[in-house]
Amino acid sequence: MIGVKYGSFNMQGNGFRVTDTDVYSAPENVIQADSLAERDGTLVVKQQYKSKVFKVEGWFRKDGITLAETARDEFMLAMSKKNQPFDIDYAGGIRRYLASAQNIIVSKKGISSFGFSVQFLSPDGMGWDTAATALIASANITTSSAEIPVSIQGTYKADPTTRLSFFTVAGGTGKTVSIGNAATLRQIQITRDWVSGDVLEIDTLNGYVRVNGIDTDFIGQLPSFQPGDNALSYVDGFTSRDVTVTSSYTRRWL
């Protein structure tokens, strides 16, 4: 029996059983395709995943009508909580969906048993790991440009958190550091006075760039990476540098 929980509520224990779910389905992929001038066919210019609605069905049974009706109230209370993790056992681990119950149906099946059907809405539609995965354990940069190979697992893009520790910097006044995806050329540029000891943090998932813990202006697009083999690019305008790069991400699944 696979484990299923919504928030802290166990849907696979204490008399509760899940019998069916379509949570494994991918969210709808909306594809924008433009017509080609003077030619047949179209060109795909954009794709975007929508939120996902999935259903969970099952039943619960207790020893007596009073206990069953009390369990029904506890179930409804648990389902009323919004933006909870929906966790389901998968491939030896846990696949997590942020979700809210938007349609709850409970039907009496006997004196002390009920059936239920719950429709959940997951805003991003993706399954998440419950812990981060190292993307770059540690890489050292001593040249003005570098590419660090990275491999993305999961079936959806990675939005990593990347940390660059500038142990030594020479000639960093008014210079630009560029960090990006070497394949897509999607990158950000930060121009400032760089000194030894600076720490740059780029959080693509949450959309911020910080130097020494302070939000910092940048231009460009925060780098993300598609599943498979990729590379993180680095360029600076310094005279010399000694930089250590670490990065992590949470695997996501369609």
C-alpha atoms as a PDB file:
ATOM      1  CA  MET A   1       0.000   0.000   0.000  1.00  0.00           C
ATOM      2  CA  ILE A   2       1.481   3.328  -1.059  1.00  0.00           C
ATOM      3  CA  GLY A   3       1.626   6.222   1.368  1.00  0.00           C
ATOM      4  CA  VAL A   4      -0.624   9.229   0.699  1.00  0.00           C
ATOM      5  CA  LYS A   5      -0.790  12.348   2.887  1.00  0.00           C
ATOM      6  CA  TYR A   6      -2.343  15.777   2.576  1.00  0.00           C
ATOM      7  CA  GLY A   7      -0.552  18.116   4.927  1.00  0.00           C
ATOM      8  CA  SER A   8      -0.290  16.158   8.176  1.00  0.00           C
ATOM      9  CA  PHE A   9      -3.396  14.067   7.437  1.00  0.00           C
ATOM     10  CA  ASN A  10      -2.719  10.428   6.581  1.00  0.00           C
ATOM     11  CA  MET A  11      -5.069   9.286   3.813  1.00  0.00           C
ATOM     12  CA  GLN A  12      -3.701   5.718   3.945  1.00  0.00           C
ATOM     13  CA  GLY A  13      -4.090   4.779   7.589  1.00  0.00           C
ATOM     14  CA  ASN A  14      -6.380   4.788  10.613  1.00  0.00           C
ATOM     15  CA  GLY A  15      -9.229   3.306   8.614  1.00  0.00           C
ATOM     16  CA  PHE A  16      -8.673   5.462   5.500  1.00  0.00           C
ATOM     17  CA  ARG A  17      -7.824   3.970   2.108  1.00  0.00           C
ATOM     18  CA  VAL A  18      -7.046   5.608  -1.240  1.00  0.00           C
ATOM     19  CA  THR A  19      -8.226   3.426  -4.111  1.00  0.00           C
ATOM     20  CA  ASP A  20      -7.608   5.611  -7.167  1.00  0.00           C
ATOM     21  CA  THR A  21      -5.810   8.796  -8.235  1.00  0.00           C
ATOM     22  CA  ASP A  22      -4.747  10.454 -11.469  1.00  0.00           C
ATOM     23  CA  VAL A  23      -2.089  12.623  -9.816  1.00  0.00           C
ATOM     24  CA  TYR A  24       0.457  10.928 -12.103  1.00  0.00           C
ATOM     25  CA  SER A  25      -0.863  12.798 -15.165  1.00  0.00           C
ATOM     26  CA  ALA A  26       1.149  15.743 -16.515  1.00  0.00           C
ATOM     27  CA  PRO A  27      -0.279  19.262 -16.499  1.00  0.00           C
ATOM     28  CA  GLU A  28      -1.617  20.615 -19.781  1.00  0.00           C
ATOM     29  CA  ASN A  29       1.133  21.934 -22.047  1.00  0.00           C
ATOM     30  CA  VAL A  30      -0.122  25.012 -23.919  1.00  0.00           C
ATOM     31  CA  ILE A  31       1.855  25.433 -27.140  1.00  0.00           C
ATOM     32  CA  GLN A  32       1.898  28.649 -29.150  1.00  0.00           C
ATOM     33  CA  ALA A  33       2.656  28.038 -32.815  1.00  0.00           C
ATOM     34  CA  ASP A  34       2.844  30.838 -35.396  1.00  0.00           C
ATOM     35  CA  SER A  35       2.240  30.429 -39.123  1.00  0.00           C
ATOM     36  CA  LEU A  36       5.234  30.647 -41.447  1.00  0.00           C
ATOM     37  CA  ALA A  37       5.227  33.323 -44.128  1.00  0.00           C
ATOM     38  CA  GLU A  38       4.880  31.872 -47.629  1.00  0.00           C
ATOM     39  CA  ARG A  39       5.366  28.344 -46.285  1.00  0.00           C
ATOM     40  CA  ASP A  40       3.295  25.452 -44.999  1.00  0.00           C
ATOM     41  CA  GLY A  41       3.282  24.526 -41.334  1.00  0.00           C
ATOM     42  CA  THR A  42       3.962  26.494 -38.174  1.00  0.00           C
ATOM     43  CA  LEU A  43       6.821  27.390 -35.865  1.00  0.00           C
ATOM     44  CA  VAL A  44       6.560  26.621 -32.152  1.00  0.00           C
ATOM     45  CA  VAL A  45       7.527  29.845 -30.368  1.00  0.00           C
ATOM     46  CA  LYS A  46       6.381  29.170 -26.819  1.00  0.00           C
ATOM     47  CA  GLN A  47       5.128  26.451 -24.526  1.00  0.00           C
ATOM     48  CA  GLN A  48       3.761  26.867 -21.027  1.00  0.00           C
ATOM     49  CA  TYR A  49       2.432  24.372 -18.504  1.00  0.00           C
ATOM     50  CA  LYS A  50      -0.853  25.216 -16.830  1.00  0.00           C
ATOM     51  CA  SER A  51      -1.954  24.375 -13.300  1.00  0.00           C
ATOM     52  CA  LYS A  52      -3.047  20.773 -12.758  1.00  0.00           C
ATOM     53  CA  VAL A  53      -6.277  19.365 -11.356  1.00  0.00           C
ATOM     54  CA  PHE A  54      -6.147  15.805 -10.053  1.00  0.00           C
ATOM     55  CA  LYS A  55      -8.544  13.538  -8.201  1.00  0.00           C
ATOM     56  CA  VAL A  56      -8.145  11.201  -5.240  1.00  0.00           C
ATOM     57  CA  GLU A  57     -10.823   8.610  -4.435  1.00  0.00           C
ATOM     58  CA  GLY A  58     -11.211   6.158  -1.578  1.00  0.00           C
ATOM     59  CA  TRP A  59     -13.137   5.198   1.527  1.00  0.00           C
ATOM     60  CA  PHE A  60     -12.865   5.069   5.301  1.00  0.00           C
ATOM     61  CA  ARG A  61     -14.426   2.816   7.906  1.00  0.00           C
ATOM     62  CA  LYS A  62     -14.616   2.970  11.705  1.00  0.00           C
ATOM     63  CA  ASP A  63     -16.025   0.803  14.491  1.00  0.00           C
ATOM     64  CA  GLY A  64     -19.422   2.378  14.884  1.00  0.00           C
ATOM     65  CA  ILE A  65     -21.395   5.275  13.471  1.00  0.00           C
ATOM     66  CA  THR A  66     -20.181   7.853  15.998  1.00  0.00           C
ATOM     67  CA  LEU A  67     -16.517   7.155  15.262  1.00  0.00           C
ATOM     68  CA  ALA A  68     -17.213   7.151  11.510  1.00  0.00           C
ATOM     69  CA  GLU A  69     -19.000  10.499  11.623  1.00  0.00           C
ATOM     70  CA  THR A  70     -16.230  11.960  13.779  1.00  0.00           C
ATOM     71  CA  ALA A  71     -13.690  10.713  11.213  1.00  0.00           C
ATOM     72  CA  ARG A  72     -15.740  12.387   8.487  1.00  0.00           C
ATOM     73  CA  ASP A  73     -15.475  15.726  10.297  1.00  0.00           C
ATOM     74  CA  GLU A  74     -11.740  15.291  10.820  1.00  0.00           C
ATOM     75  CA  PHE A  75     -11.373  14.490   7.129  1.00  0.00           C
ATOM     76  CA  MET A  76     -13.301  17.604   6.098  1.00  0.00           C
ATOM     77  CA  LEU A  77     -11.212  19.748   8.433  1.00  0.00           C
ATOM     78  CA  ALA A  78      -7.987  18.402   6.942  1.00  0.00           C
ATOM     79  CA  MET A  79      -9.241  18.979   3.390  1.00  0.00           C
ATOM     80  CA  SER A  80     -10.245  22.575   4.198  1.00  0.00           C
ATOM     81  CA  LYS A  81      -6.621  23.625   4.677  1.00  0.00           C
ATOM     82  CA  LYS A  82      -5.170  25.384   1.647  1.00  0.00           C
ATOM     83  CA  ASN A  83      -1.745  25.170   0.006  1.00  0.00           C
ATOM     84  CA  GLN A  84      -0.701  21.943   1.684  1.00  0.00           C
ATOM     85  CA  PRO A  85       1.860  19.402   0.499  1.00  0.00           C
ATOM     86  CA  PHE A  86       0.198  16.406  -1.126  1.00  0.00           C
ATOM     87  CA  ASP A  87       2.758  13.615  -0.657  1.00  0.00           C
ATOM     88  CA  ILE A  88       2.585  10.264  -2.400  1.00  0.00           C
ATOM     89  CA  ASP A  89       5.097   7.409  -2.352  1.00  0.00           C
ATOM     90  CA  TYR A  90       6.887   7.102  -5.677  1.00  0.00           C
ATOM     91  CA  ALA A  91       9.924   5.131  -6.910  1.00  0.00           C
ATOM     92  CA  GLY A  92      11.244   4.515  -3.416  1.00  0.00           C
ATOM     93  CA  GLY A  93      10.837   8.144  -2.373  1.00  0.00           C
ATOM     94  CA  ILE A  94       8.141  10.790  -2.075  1.00  0.00           C
ATOM     95  CA  ARG A  95       6.694  12.936  -4.850  1.00  0.00           C
ATOM     96  CA  ARG A  96       5.279  16.201  -3.480  1.00  0.00           C
ATOM     97  CA  TYR A  97       2.626  18.474  -5.010  1.00  0.00           C
ATOM     98  CA  LEU A  98       1.567  21.801  -3.525  1.00  0.00           C
ATOM     99  CA  ALA A  99      -2.235  21.607  -3.640  1.00  0.00           C
ATOM    100  CA  SER A 100      -5.603  22.747  -2.336  1.00  0.00           C
ATOM    101  CA  ALA A 101      -8.791  20.677  -2.204  1.00  0.00           C
ATOM    102  CA  GLN A 102     -11.405  22.450  -4.333  1.00  0.00           C
ATOM    103  CA  ASN A 103     -14.176  19.868  -4.634  1.00  0.00           C
ATOM    104  CA  ILE A 104     -14.862  17.393  -1.800  1.00  0.00           C
ATOM    105  CA  ILE A 105     -17.543  14.719  -2.110  1.00  0.00           C
ATOM    106  CA  VAL A 106     -18.295  12.341   0.771  1.00  0.00           C
ATOM    107  CA  SER A 107     -20.997   9.668   0.509  1.00  0.00           C
ATOM    108  CA  LYS A 108     -22.373   7.237   3.104  1.00  0.00           C
ATOM    109  CA  LYS A 109     -21.572   3.615   2.206  1.00  0.00           C
ATOM    110  CA  GLY A 110     -22.875   1.891   5.284  1.00  0.00           C
ATOM    111  CA  ILE A 111     -23.569   2.438   8.957  1.00  0.00           C
ATOM    112  CA  SER A 112     -19.917   3.082   9.771  1.00  0.00           C
ATOM    113  CA  SER A 113     -18.239   3.717   6.423  1.00  0.00           C
ATOM    114  CA  PHE A 114     -17.980   6.528   3.886  1.00  0.00           C
ATOM    115  CA  GLY A 115     -16.624   6.924   0.382  1.00  0.00           C
ATOM    116  CA  PHE A 116     -14.818  10.085  -0.705  1.00  0.00           C
ATOM    117  CA  SER A 117     -13.699  11.828  -3.861  1.00  0.00           C
ATOM    118  CA  VAL A 118     -11.492  14.912  -3.633  1.00  0.00           C
ATOM    119  CA  GLN A 119     -10.438  17.145  -6.506  1.00  0.00           C
ATOM    120  CA  PHE A 120      -7.185  18.992  -5.865  1.00  0.00           C
ATOM    121  CA  LEU A 121      -5.726  22.018  -7.628  1.00  0.00           C
ATOM    122  CA  SER A 122      -1.940  22.198  -7.911  1.00  0.00           C
ATOM    123  CA  PRO A 123      -0.968  25.728  -9.043  1.00  0.00           C
ATOM    124  CA  ASP A 124       2.313  24.796 -10.731  1.00  0.00           C
ATOM    125  CA  GLY A 125       1.246  21.248 -11.591  1.00  0.00           C
ATOM    126  CA  MET A 126       4.668  19.742 -10.868  1.00  0.00           C
ATOM    127  CA  GLY A 127       5.781  16.992  -8.553  1.00  0.00           C
ATOM    128  CA  TRP A 128       8.727  18.015  -6.375  1.00  0.00           C
ATOM    129  CA  ASP A 129      11.388  16.131  -4.481  1.00  0.00           C
ATOM    130  CA  THR A 130      11.276  16.812  -0.762  1.00  0.00           C
ATOM    131  CA  ALA A 131      14.990  17.666  -0.583  1.00  0.00           C
ATOM    132  CA  ALA A 132      17.438  19.592  -2.739  1.00  0.00           C
ATOM    133  CA  THR A 133      19.981  17.920  -5.035  1.00  0.00           C
ATOM    134  CA  ALA A 134      23.541  19.139  -5.546  1.00  0.00           C
ATOM    135  CA  LEU A 135      24.092  20.564  -9.019  1.00  0.00           C
ATOM    136  CA  ILE A 136      27.673  21.728  -8.479  1.00  0.00           C
ATOM    137  CA  ALA A 137      29.269  20.315  -5.349  1.00  0.00           C
ATOM    138  CA  SER A 138      32.245  22.666  -5.663  1.00  0.00           C
ATOM    139  CA  ALA A 139      34.075  24.112  -8.657  1.00  0.00           C
ATOM    140  CA  ASN A 140      37.027  26.484  -8.691  1.00  0.00           C
ATOM    141  CA  ILE A 141      37.435  29.284 -11.261  1.00  0.00           C
ATOM    142  CA  THR A 142      40.758  31.091 -11.799  1.00  0.00           C
ATOM    143  CA  THR A 143      40.258  32.271 -15.398  1.00  0.00           C
ATOM    144  CA  SER A 144      38.163  35.130 -16.784  1.00  0.00           C
ATOM    145  CA  SER A 145      35.719  32.734 -18.447  1.00  0.00           C
ATOM    146  CA  ALA A 146      34.678  29.192 -17.674  1.00  0.00           C
ATOM    147  CA  GLU A 147      31.997  26.618 -18.327  1.00  0.00           C
ATOM    148  CA  ILE A 148      31.066  24.161 -15.585  1.00  0.00           C
ATOM    149  CA  PRO A 149      29.268  20.998 -16.756  1.00  0.00           C
ATOM    150  CA  VAL A 150      25.987  20.258 -14.975  1.00  0.00           C
ATOM    151  CA  SER A 151      23.477  17.438 -15.357  1.00  0.00           C
ATOM    152  CA  ILE A 152      19.809  18.035 -14.607  1.00  0.00           C
ATOM    153  CA  GLN A 153      17.650  15.179 -13.357  1.00  0.00           C
ATOM    154  CA  GLY A 154      13.868  15.123 -13.282  1.00  0.00           C
ATOM    155  CA  THR A 155      11.513  15.752 -16.199  1.00  0.00           C
ATOM    156  CA  TYR A 156      11.073  19.517 -15.804  1.00  0.00           C
ATOM    157  CA  LYS A 157      13.503  22.420 -15.885  1.00  0.00           C
ATOM    158  CA  ALA A 158      15.753  23.217 -12.940  1.00  0.00           C
ATOM    159  CA  ASP A 159      15.749  26.664 -11.303  1.00  0.00           C
ATOM    160  CA  PRO A 160      18.888  26.452  -9.167  1.00  0.00           C
ATOM    161  CA  THR A 161      20.354  28.411  -6.316  1.00  0.00           C
ATOM    162  CA  THR A 162      23.980  29.203  -7.163  1.00  0.00           C
ATOM    163  CA  ARG A 163      26.575  30.634  -4.786  1.00  0.00           C
ATOM    164  CA  LEU A 164      29.884  32.170  -5.875  1.00  0.00           C
ATOM    165  CA  SER A 165      32.495  32.921  -3.222  1.00  0.00           C
ATOM    166  CA  PHE A 166      35.152  35.384  -4.437  1.00  0.00           C
ATOM    167  CA  PHE A 167      38.131  34.515  -2.258  1.00  0.00           C
ATOM    168  CA  THR A 168      40.480  36.837  -4.123  1.00  0.00           C
ATOM    169  CA  VAL A 169      39.741  39.547  -6.678  1.00  0.00           C
ATOM    170  CA  ALA A 170      42.158  41.922  -8.413  1.00  0.00           C
ATOM    171  CA  GLY A 171      41.003  44.710 -10.740  1.00  0.00           C
ATOM    172  CA  GLY A 172      37.347  44.374  -9.771  1.00  0.00           C
ATOM    173  CA  THR A 173      36.357  48.049  -9.636  1.00  0.00           C
ATOM    174  CA  GLY A 174      33.353  48.793 -11.859  1.00  0.00           C
ATOM    175  CA  LYS A 175      33.535  45.358 -13.482  1.00  0.00           C
ATOM    176  CA  THR A 176      30.824  42.959 -14.660  1.00  0.00           C
ATOM    177  CA  VAL A 177      30.262  39.330 -13.705  1.00  0.00           C
ATOM    178  CA  SER A 178      28.044  37.265 -16.017  1.00  0.00           C
ATOM    179  CA  ILE A 179      26.474  33.958 -14.997  1.00  0.00           C
ATOM    180  CA  GLY A 180      24.244  31.935 -17.281  1.00  0.00           C
ATOM    181  CA  ASN A 181      23.224  28.866 -19.230  1.00  0.00           C
ATOM    182  CA  ALA A 182      25.966  28.168 -21.775  1.00  0.00           C
ATOM    183  CA  ALA A 183      23.570  26.463 -24.206  1.00  0.00           C
ATOM    184  CA  THR A 184      20.695  28.952 -24.264  1.00  0.00           C
ATOM    185  CA  LEU A 185      22.831  32.057 -23.490  1.00  0.00           C
ATOM    186  CA  ARG A 186      20.237  33.055 -20.908  1.00  0.00           C
ATOM    187  CA  GLN A 187      22.283  34.920 -18.329  1.00  0.00           C
ATOM    188  CA  ILE A 188      22.465  37.760 -15.835  1.00  0.00           C
ATOM    189  CA  GLN A 189      25.075  40.483 -15.522  1.00  0.00           C
ATOM    190  CA  ILE A 190      26.012  42.266 -12.289  1.00  0.00           C
ATOM    191  CA  THR A 191      28.192  45.370 -12.487  1.00  0.00           C
ATOM    192  CA  ARG A 192      29.715  46.751  -9.290  1.00  0.00           C
ATOM    193  CA  ASP A 193      32.967  47.151  -7.392  1.00  0.00           C
ATOM    194  CA  TRP A 194      34.018  43.590  -6.622  1.00  0.00           C
ATOM    195  CA  VAL A 195      36.461  42.864  -3.798  1.00  0.00           C
ATOM    196  CA  SER A 196      37.962  39.824  -2.150  1.00  0.00           C
ATOM    197  CA  GLY A 197      35.493  38.147   0.192  1.00  0.00           C
ATOM    198  CA  ASP A 198      32.353  39.002  -1.799  1.00  0.00           C
ATOM    199  CA  VAL A 199      29.652  36.321  -1.974  1.00  0.00           C
ATOM    200  CA  LEU A 200      27.167  36.298  -4.859  1.00  0.00           C
ATOM    201  CA  GLU A 201      23.932  34.299  -4.547  1.00  0.00           C
ATOM    202  CA  ILE A 202      21.601  33.725  -7.504  1.00  0.00           C
ATOM    203  CA  ASP A 203      18.231  32.150  -6.710  1.00  0.00           C
ATOM    204  CA  THR A 204      16.374  31.513  -9.961  1.00  0.00           C
ATOM    205  CA  LEU A 205      13.401  29.814  -8.313  1.00  0.00           C
ATOM    206  CA  ASN A 206      12.642  32.709  -5.961  1.00  0.00           C
ATOM    207  CA  GLY A 207      13.830  35.396  -8.365  1.00  0.00           C
ATOM    208  CA  TYR A 208      16.538  37.247  -6.497  1.00  0.00           C
ATOM    209  CA  VAL A 209      20.231  38.104  -6.727  1.00  0.00           C
ATOM    210  CA  ARG A 210      22.175  39.062  -3.605  1.00  0.00           C
ATOM    211  CA  VAL A 211      25.733  40.136  -2.909  1.00  0.00           C
ATOM    212  CA  ASN A 212      26.842  39.675   0.678  1.00  0.00           C
ATOM    213  CA  GLY A 213      23.213  39.057   1.632  1.00  0.00           C
ATOM    214  CA  ILE A 214      21.919  42.320   0.104  1.00  0.00           C
ATOM    215  CA  ASP A 215      19.524  42.416  -2.877  1.00  0.00           C
ATOM    216  CA  THR A 216      21.484  43.589  -5.912  1.00  0.00           C
ATOM    217  CA  ASP A 217      20.450  45.009  -9.279  1.00  0.00           C
ATOM    218  CA  PHE A 218      21.173  42.951 -12.366  1.00  0.00           C
ATOM    219  CA  ILE A 219      20.284  42.845 -16.039  1.00  0.00           C
ATOM    220  CA  GLY A 220      19.282  39.824 -18.097  1.00  0.00           C
ATOM    221  CA  GLN A 221      17.371  36.658 -17.230  1.00  0.00           C
ATOM    222  CA  LEU A 222      17.991  34.342 -14.317  1.00  0.00           C
ATOM    223  CA  PRO A 223      19.435  31.082 -15.669  1.00  0.00           C
ATOM    224  CA  SER A 224      17.380  27.893 -15.721  1.00  0.00           C
ATOM    225  CA  PHE A 225      18.302  24.520 -17.225  1.00  0.00           C
ATOM    226  CA  GLN A 226      16.378  21.836 -19.104  1.00  0.00           C
ATOM    227  CA  PRO A 227      16.743  18.162 -18.098  1.00  0.00           C
ATOM    228  CA  GLY A 228      19.903  16.515 -19.356  1.00  0.00           C
ATOM    229  CA  ASP A 229      23.486  17.687 -19.803  1.00  0.00           C
ATOM    230  CA  ASN A 230      24.071  21.450 -19.610  1.00  0.00           C
ATOM    231  CA  ALA A 231      26.792  23.891 -18.574  1.00  0.00           C
ATOM    232  CA  LEU A 232      26.911  26.933 -16.304  1.00  0.00           C
ATOM    233  CA  SER A 233      28.845  29.794 -17.907  1.00  0.00           C
ATOM    234  CA  TYR A 234      30.978  32.355 -16.048  1.00  0.00           C
ATOM    235  CA  VAL A 235      32.629  35.518 -17.384  1.00  0.00           C
ATOM    236  CA  ASP A 236      34.265  38.441 -15.535  1.00  0.00           C
ATOM    237  CA  GLY A 237      36.382  41.479 -16.365  1.00  0.00           C
ATOM    238  CA  PHE A 238      38.856  41.159 -13.488  1.00  0.00           C
ATOM    239  CA  THR A 239      42.626  41.151 -13.679  1.00  0.00           C
ATOM    240  CA  SER A 240      42.682  37.946 -11.620  1.00  0.00           C
ATOM    241  CA  ARG A 241      40.327  35.953  -9.423  1.00  0.00           C
ATOM    242  CA  ASP A 242      39.905  32.851  -7.296  1.00  0.00           C
ATOM    243  CA  VAL A 243      36.223  31.893  -7.178  1.00  0.00           C
ATOM    244  CA  THR A 244      34.450  28.826  -5.790  1.00  0.00           C
ATOM    245  CA  VAL A 245      31.030  27.913  -7.183  1.00  0.00           C
ATOM    246  CA  THR A 246      28.402  25.710  -5.551  1.00  0.00           C
ATOM    247  CA  SER A 247      24.850  25.137  -6.730  1.00  0.00           C
ATOM    248  CA  SER A 248      21.779  23.085  -5.838  1.00  0.00           C
ATOM    249  CA  TYR A 249      18.222  22.602  -7.110  1.00  0.00           C
ATOM    250  CA  THR A 250      15.068  20.649  -6.356  1.00  0.00           C
ATOM    251  CA  ARG A 251      14.189  18.027  -8.940  1.00  0.00           C
ATOM    252  CA  ARG A 252      10.746  18.491 -10.459  1.00  0.00           C
ATOM    253  CA  TRP A 253       8.612  16.046 -12.362  1.00  0.00           C
ATOM    254  CA  LEU A 254       5.830  16.267 -14.936  1.00  0.00           C
END
